[in-house]
Amino acid sequence: MAPQLLLILVVVIALPIAWLRSEFQERRSLRVALGVAALICSFGIAYVVGRL
């Protein structure tokens, strides 16, 4: 597997998990940033799969 694909796979799996873990912390900016990043990542993956 190409290193770029492995990195993308790790990011796609790690962002929603990090977002979920941040929901139990006090820092609102971290929750919002991780939530937006996770949503953008999922929309990006859906776009790429749709283009294929």
PDB file of N, CA and C in Angstrom:
ATOM      1  N   MET A   1       0.856  -1.180   0.000  1.00  0.00           N
ATOM      2  CA  MET A   1       0.000   0.000   0.000  1.00  0.00           C
ATOM      3  C   MET A   1       0.900   1.241   0.000  1.00  0.00           C
ATOM      4  N   ALA A   2       0.524   2.209  -0.794  1.00  0.00           N
ATOM      5  CA  ALA A   2       1.310   3.433  -0.899  1.00  0.00           C
ATOM      6  C   ALA A   2       1.253   4.209   0.418  1.00  0.00           C
ATOM      7  N   PRO A   3       2.341   4.874   0.782  1.00  0.00           N
ATOM      8  CA  PRO A   3       2.364   5.620   2.046  1.00  0.00           C
ATOM      9  C   PRO A   3       1.307   6.727   2.112  1.00  0.00           C
ATOM     10  N   GLN A   4       0.991   7.325   0.967  1.00  0.00           N
ATOM     11  CA  GLN A   4      -0.026   8.379   0.957  1.00  0.00           C
ATOM     12  C   GLN A   4      -1.399   7.816   1.302  1.00  0.00           C
ATOM     13  N   LEU A   5      -1.719   6.646   0.763  1.00  0.00           N
ATOM     14  CA  LEU A   5      -3.001   6.018   1.066  1.00  0.00           C
ATOM     15  C   LEU A   5      -3.093   5.602   2.524  1.00  0.00           C
ATOM     16  N   LEU A   6      -1.987   5.129   3.070  1.00  0.00           N
ATOM     17  CA  LEU A   6      -1.957   4.755   4.477  1.00  0.00           C
ATOM     18  C   LEU A   6      -2.169   5.977   5.366  1.00  0.00           C
ATOM     19  N   LEU A   7      -1.553   7.088   5.019  1.00  0.00           N
ATOM     20  CA  LEU A   7      -1.721   8.329   5.776  1.00  0.00           C
ATOM     21  C   LEU A   7      -3.172   8.812   5.713  1.00  0.00           C
ATOM     22  N   ILE A   8      -3.772   8.759   4.542  1.00  0.00           N
ATOM     23  CA  ILE A   8      -5.169   9.174   4.389  1.00  0.00           C
ATOM     24  C   ILE A   8      -6.079   8.268   5.202  1.00  0.00           C
ATOM     25  N   LEU A   9      -5.821   6.977   5.184  1.00  0.00           N
ATOM     26  CA  LEU A   9      -6.620   6.033   5.954  1.00  0.00           C
ATOM     27  C   LEU A   9      -6.532   6.314   7.450  1.00  0.00           C
ATOM     28  N   VAL A  10      -5.334   6.590   7.919  1.00  0.00           N
ATOM     29  CA  VAL A  10      -5.148   6.898   9.341  1.00  0.00           C
ATOM     30  C   VAL A  10      -5.879   8.184   9.711  1.00  0.00           C
ATOM     31  N   VAL A  11      -5.807   9.195   8.865  1.00  0.00           N
ATOM     32  CA  VAL A  11      -6.487  10.461   9.142  1.00  0.00           C
ATOM     33  C   VAL A  11      -7.998  10.273   9.142  1.00  0.00           C
ATOM     34  N   VAL A  12      -8.514   9.515   8.182  1.00  0.00           N
ATOM     35  CA  VAL A  12      -9.958   9.287   8.090  1.00  0.00           C
ATOM     36  C   VAL A  12     -10.469   8.546   9.321  1.00  0.00           C
ATOM     37  N   ILE A  13      -9.687   7.654   9.859  1.00  0.00           N
ATOM     38  CA  ILE A  13     -10.105   6.917  11.058  1.00  0.00           C
ATOM     39  C   ILE A  13      -9.856   7.734  12.326  1.00  0.00           C
ATOM     40  N   ALA A  14      -8.762   8.461  12.378  1.00  0.00           N
ATOM     41  CA  ALA A  14      -8.379   9.156  13.605  1.00  0.00           C
ATOM     42  C   ALA A  14      -9.199  10.421  13.870  1.00  0.00           C
ATOM     43  N   LEU A  15      -9.587  11.143  12.838  1.00  0.00           N
ATOM     44  CA  LEU A  15     -10.309  12.400  13.063  1.00  0.00           C
ATOM     45  C   LEU A  15     -11.648  12.215  13.775  1.00  0.00           C
ATOM     46  N   PRO A  16     -12.513  11.312  13.341  1.00  0.00           N
ATOM     47  CA  PRO A  16     -13.764  11.145  14.096  1.00  0.00           C
ATOM     48  C   PRO A  16     -13.551  10.657  15.532  1.00  0.00           C
ATOM     49  N   ILE A  17     -12.540   9.813  15.732  1.00  0.00           N
ATOM     50  CA  ILE A  17     -12.249   9.344  17.090  1.00  0.00           C
ATOM     51  C   ILE A  17     -11.755  10.497  17.954  1.00  0.00           C
ATOM     52  N   ALA A  18     -10.883  11.333  17.403  1.00  0.00           N
ATOM     53  CA  ALA A  18     -10.397  12.497  18.145  1.00  0.00           C
ATOM     54  C   ALA A  18     -11.537  13.463  18.435  1.00  0.00           C
ATOM     55  N   TRP A  19     -12.439  13.621  17.492  1.00  0.00           N
ATOM     56  CA  TRP A  19     -13.601  14.496  17.690  1.00  0.00           C
ATOM     57  C   TRP A  19     -14.462  13.971  18.834  1.00  0.00           C
ATOM     58  N   LEU A  20     -14.712  12.667  18.838  1.00  0.00           N
ATOM     59  CA  LEU A  20     -15.517  12.081  19.900  1.00  0.00           C
ATOM     60  C   LEU A  20     -14.844  12.241  21.264  1.00  0.00           C
ATOM     61  N   ARG A  21     -13.561  12.031  21.327  1.00  0.00           N
ATOM     62  CA  ARG A  21     -12.842  12.203  22.600  1.00  0.00           C
ATOM     63  C   ARG A  21     -12.844  13.644  23.057  1.00  0.00           C
ATOM     64  N   SER A  22     -12.809  14.587  22.120  1.00  0.00           N
ATOM     65  CA  SER A  22     -12.780  15.998  22.502  1.00  0.00           C
ATOM     66  C   SER A  22     -14.127  16.476  23.024  1.00  0.00           C
ATOM     67  N   GLU A  23     -15.193  15.730  22.757  1.00  0.00           N
ATOM     68  CA  GLU A  23     -16.514  16.129  23.245  1.00  0.00           C
ATOM     69  C   GLU A  23     -16.594  16.094  24.765  1.00  0.00           C
ATOM     70  N   PHE A  24     -15.693  15.403  25.414  1.00  0.00           N
ATOM     71  CA  PHE A  24     -15.697  15.296  26.866  1.00  0.00           C
ATOM     72  C   PHE A  24     -14.693  16.250  27.520  1.00  0.00           C
ATOM     73  N   GLN A  25     -14.199  17.222  26.765  1.00  0.00           N
ATOM     74  CA  GLN A  25     -13.264  18.210  27.296  1.00  0.00           C
ATOM     75  C   GLN A  25     -13.921  19.577  27.316  1.00  0.00           C
ATOM     76  N   GLU A  26     -13.311  20.490  28.028  1.00  0.00           N
ATOM     77  CA  GLU A  26     -13.869  21.825  28.199  1.00  0.00           C
ATOM     78  C   GLU A  26     -13.569  22.766  27.027  1.00  0.00           C
ATOM     79  N   ARG A  27     -12.523  22.491  26.286  1.00  0.00           N
ATOM     80  CA  ARG A  27     -12.093  23.423  25.235  1.00  0.00           C
ATOM     81  C   ARG A  27     -13.029  23.372  24.033  1.00  0.00           C
ATOM     82  N   ARG A  28     -13.834  24.409  23.894  1.00  0.00           N
ATOM     83  CA  ARG A  28     -14.816  24.462  22.809  1.00  0.00           C
ATOM     84  C   ARG A  28     -14.150  24.588  21.441  1.00  0.00           C
ATOM     85  N   SER A  29     -13.081  25.366  21.364  1.00  0.00           N
ATOM     86  CA  SER A  29     -12.417  25.572  20.073  1.00  0.00           C
ATOM     87  C   SER A  29     -11.846  24.262  19.524  1.00  0.00           C
ATOM     88  N   LEU A  30     -11.336  23.410  20.397  1.00  0.00           N
ATOM     89  CA  LEU A  30     -10.821  22.114  19.955  1.00  0.00           C
ATOM     90  C   LEU A  30     -11.948  21.241  19.423  1.00  0.00           C
ATOM     91  N   ARG A  31     -13.084  21.220  20.120  1.00  0.00           N
ATOM     92  CA  ARG A  31     -14.234  20.427  19.664  1.00  0.00           C
ATOM     93  C   ARG A  31     -14.719  20.891  18.304  1.00  0.00           C
ATOM     94  N   VAL A  32     -14.819  22.198  18.138  1.00  0.00           N
ATOM     95  CA  VAL A  32     -15.304  22.737  16.864  1.00  0.00           C
ATOM     96  C   VAL A  32     -14.307  22.451  15.744  1.00  0.00           C
ATOM     97  N   ALA A  33     -13.027  22.641  16.003  1.00  0.00           N
ATOM     98  CA  ALA A  33     -12.006  22.423  14.970  1.00  0.00           C
ATOM     99  C   ALA A  33     -11.959  20.960  14.538  1.00  0.00           C
ATOM    100  N   LEU A  34     -11.988  20.048  15.496  1.00  0.00           N
ATOM    101  CA  LEU A  34     -11.953  18.631  15.138  1.00  0.00           C
ATOM    102  C   LEU A  34     -13.240  18.204  14.446  1.00  0.00           C
ATOM    103  N   GLY A  35     -14.367  18.759  14.858  1.00  0.00           N
ATOM    104  CA  GLY A  35     -15.632  18.442  14.206  1.00  0.00           C
ATOM    105  C   GLY A  35     -15.654  18.892  12.764  1.00  0.00           C
ATOM    106  N   VAL A  36     -15.210  20.106  12.526  1.00  0.00           N
ATOM    107  CA  VAL A  36     -15.165  20.627  11.154  1.00  0.00           C
ATOM    108  C   VAL A  36     -14.188  19.813  10.305  1.00  0.00           C
ATOM    109  N   ALA A  37     -13.030  19.484  10.874  1.00  0.00           N
ATOM    110  CA  ALA A  37     -12.043  18.696  10.125  1.00  0.00           C
ATOM    111  C   ALA A  37     -12.581  17.306   9.789  1.00  0.00           C
ATOM    112  N   ALA A  38     -13.270  16.676  10.734  1.00  0.00           N
ATOM    113  CA  ALA A  38     -13.825  15.351  10.483  1.00  0.00           C
ATOM    114  C   ALA A  38     -14.911  15.407   9.409  1.00  0.00           C
ATOM    115  N   LEU A  39     -15.757  16.428   9.465  1.00  0.00           N
ATOM    116  CA  LEU A  39     -16.818  16.549   8.456  1.00  0.00           C
ATOM    117  C   LEU A  39     -16.245  16.839   7.071  1.00  0.00           C
ATOM    118  N   ILE A  40     -15.271  17.726   6.994  1.00  0.00           N
ATOM    119  CA  ILE A  40     -14.639  18.031   5.702  1.00  0.00           C
ATOM    120  C   ILE A  40     -13.955  16.790   5.142  1.00  0.00           C
ATOM    121  N   CYS A  41     -13.300  16.037   6.009  1.00  0.00           N
ATOM    122  CA  CYS A  41     -12.627  14.809   5.570  1.00  0.00           C
ATOM    123  C   CYS A  41     -13.636  13.803   5.026  1.00  0.00           C
ATOM    124  N   SER A  42     -14.760  13.640   5.720  1.00  0.00           N
ATOM    125  CA  SER A  42     -15.752  12.675   5.240  1.00  0.00           C
ATOM    126  C   SER A  42     -16.397  13.134   3.934  1.00  0.00           C
ATOM    127  N   PHE A  43     -16.651  14.434   3.802  1.00  0.00           N
ATOM    128  CA  PHE A  43     -17.180  14.936   2.532  1.00  0.00           C
ATOM    129  C   PHE A  43     -16.152  14.772   1.416  1.00  0.00           C
ATOM    130  N   GLY A  44     -14.879  14.968   1.728  1.00  0.00           N
ATOM    131  CA  GLY A  44     -13.822  14.794   0.733  1.00  0.00           C
ATOM    132  C   GLY A  44     -13.728  13.362   0.246  1.00  0.00           C
ATOM    133  N   ILE A  45     -13.808  12.417   1.172  1.00  0.00           N
ATOM    134  CA  ILE A  45     -13.776  11.002   0.793  1.00  0.00           C
ATOM    135  C   ILE A  45     -14.996  10.648  -0.050  1.00  0.00           C
ATOM    136  N   ALA A  46     -16.162  11.149   0.349  1.00  0.00           N
ATOM    137  CA  ALA A  46     -17.382  10.886  -0.425  1.00  0.00           C
ATOM    138  C   ALA A  46     -17.270  11.475  -1.824  1.00  0.00           C
ATOM    139  N   TYR A  47     -16.675  12.649  -1.953  1.00  0.00           N
ATOM    140  CA  TYR A  47     -16.493  13.276  -3.264  1.00  0.00           C
ATOM    141  C   TYR A  47     -15.573  12.431  -4.143  1.00  0.00           C
ATOM    142  N   VAL A  48     -14.452  11.983  -3.570  1.00  0.00           N
ATOM    143  CA  VAL A  48     -13.495  11.186  -4.341  1.00  0.00           C
ATOM    144  C   VAL A  48     -14.126   9.868  -4.780  1.00  0.00           C
ATOM    145  N   VAL A  49     -14.842   9.211  -3.878  1.00  0.00           N
ATOM    146  CA  VAL A  49     -15.485   7.947  -4.231  1.00  0.00           C
ATOM    147  C   VAL A  49     -16.566   8.185  -5.287  1.00  0.00           C
ATOM    148  N   GLY A  50     -17.285   9.283  -5.170  1.00  0.00           N
ATOM    149  CA  GLY A  50     -18.312   9.611  -6.166  1.00  0.00           C
ATOM    150  C   GLY A  50     -17.706   9.881  -7.533  1.00  0.00           C
ATOM    151  N   ARG A  51     -16.536  10.491  -7.565  1.00  0.00           N
ATOM    152  CA  ARG A  51     -15.874  10.774  -8.842  1.00  0.00           C
ATOM    153  C   ARG A  51     -15.331   9.495  -9.497  1.00  0.00           C
ATOM    154  N   LEU A  52     -15.036   8.490  -8.688  1.00  0.00           N
ATOM    155  CA  LEU A  52     -14.516   7.243  -9.253  1.00  0.00           C
ATOM    156  C   LEU A  52     -15.623   6.507  -9.981  1.00  0.00           C
TER     157      LEU A  52
END
